[in-house]
Amino acid sequence: MTDHAKPDQPLAPAMELATKGRKPFPHDSDDYHRARTALLAEEIELRRQIQRVAAQRRALPPGGEARDYRFLDEDGKEVGLNDMFGRHDTLFTYYWMYGPERERPCPMCTSFIGSLDIPARDIEQRIAMAIIGSSPVARQQAVALERGWRNLRFYQTIGDDFARDYGGIDASGDEGAIVTVWQRRGDKVNLFWAAEGGFDTADPGFDPHLAPDPTPLWTILDWTPGGRGTDWYPSLEYPAADSPGGAR
C-alpha cells in the first residue's frame, strides 16, 4: 500500500495498536496470546523505524557525480549510466559476482537477482533497473535462461573503474556485490544511495546485511522457528525432488 500519513500526524502507542489489532487464532493459549501481542507491538515499532529510516534516506543531499563509466549492452553497444535510465530519473543497479574468472556465479547474488526478476516489471513503472557484471552479457544471459529469468537487463562493465570505485573489487582484487541507486539531473548522474558496511559493521554471529533485508529468502526465514540457520546458503542447483518447478 502507498503511504498517506502526514509527517506531523500523531501515532498511537504501538502496544495500544497491538492490543486492539491482535485477534486470537483458534486454540491460542493465554501465554501465546500475551507473547504474540507483545511481539506485534515490537513489529509495529520496527515498521515505524523502517519508515523513519526511509524518510531519512529520501532526504539525503545529492551524492557524488558519477564518472563516465562505460558498459556494453546486450547488442554490444557501448553505453553509459545515463543511457540506462530510459524514461526515468532514478536507476537501481546491482553489480553481481560473476567475473570472467568465475566458473559459476555467486549463489547469493543469483538468489537475490532471481527475487528481482518477477517484480521487475512492476518496479520499472517507477524506476529503471540494470544488472551489471564484468562477464560478457551473453554469459550473464545464459544464467538468466537457466534460471528462467525474463525481465532483467544485463550490462558488462568496460574496465574495472566502476567496480573498484564502488566496492565491487577491493584492494586485494577480490570481487564483491554492489547495490547502488542513482539520480539523473539533466545530463548529470549522481549517486543517491549505496549499500554500505561489510564485515566491519556486522554484528557477532551474522553476515553483513541491510535492514530491511532486500532478499525475500532471508525475510521469509526470519519468520520461521529455525530462522536463517548457521550452516546453509542457497545453491545454484537442487535435486528435482526439492524444486516444485524442476531442477534449478
Foldseek 3Di string as FASTA:
>chain_A
DDDDDDPPDDDDQLLVCLVVPDDDDPPDDPVNSVVVSVVSSVVVVLVVVVVVVVVVLVPDDFADWDDQWWKAWPVRDIDGPVVQWVPAQKEKEKEFADAPVDPDTDQVSVLLVVVCQPCVVVCVVHTGYEYEYQDQPVVVVVLCVVVVRDHHTYIHTDDCPVCDVQPQQDPVGDGDMWIWMWGDDPPIITTSDIDDDFPVPDDPPDGDADVVGSRVVQVVQCVDPCHPDRPDDGDSWDQQVVDPVGID
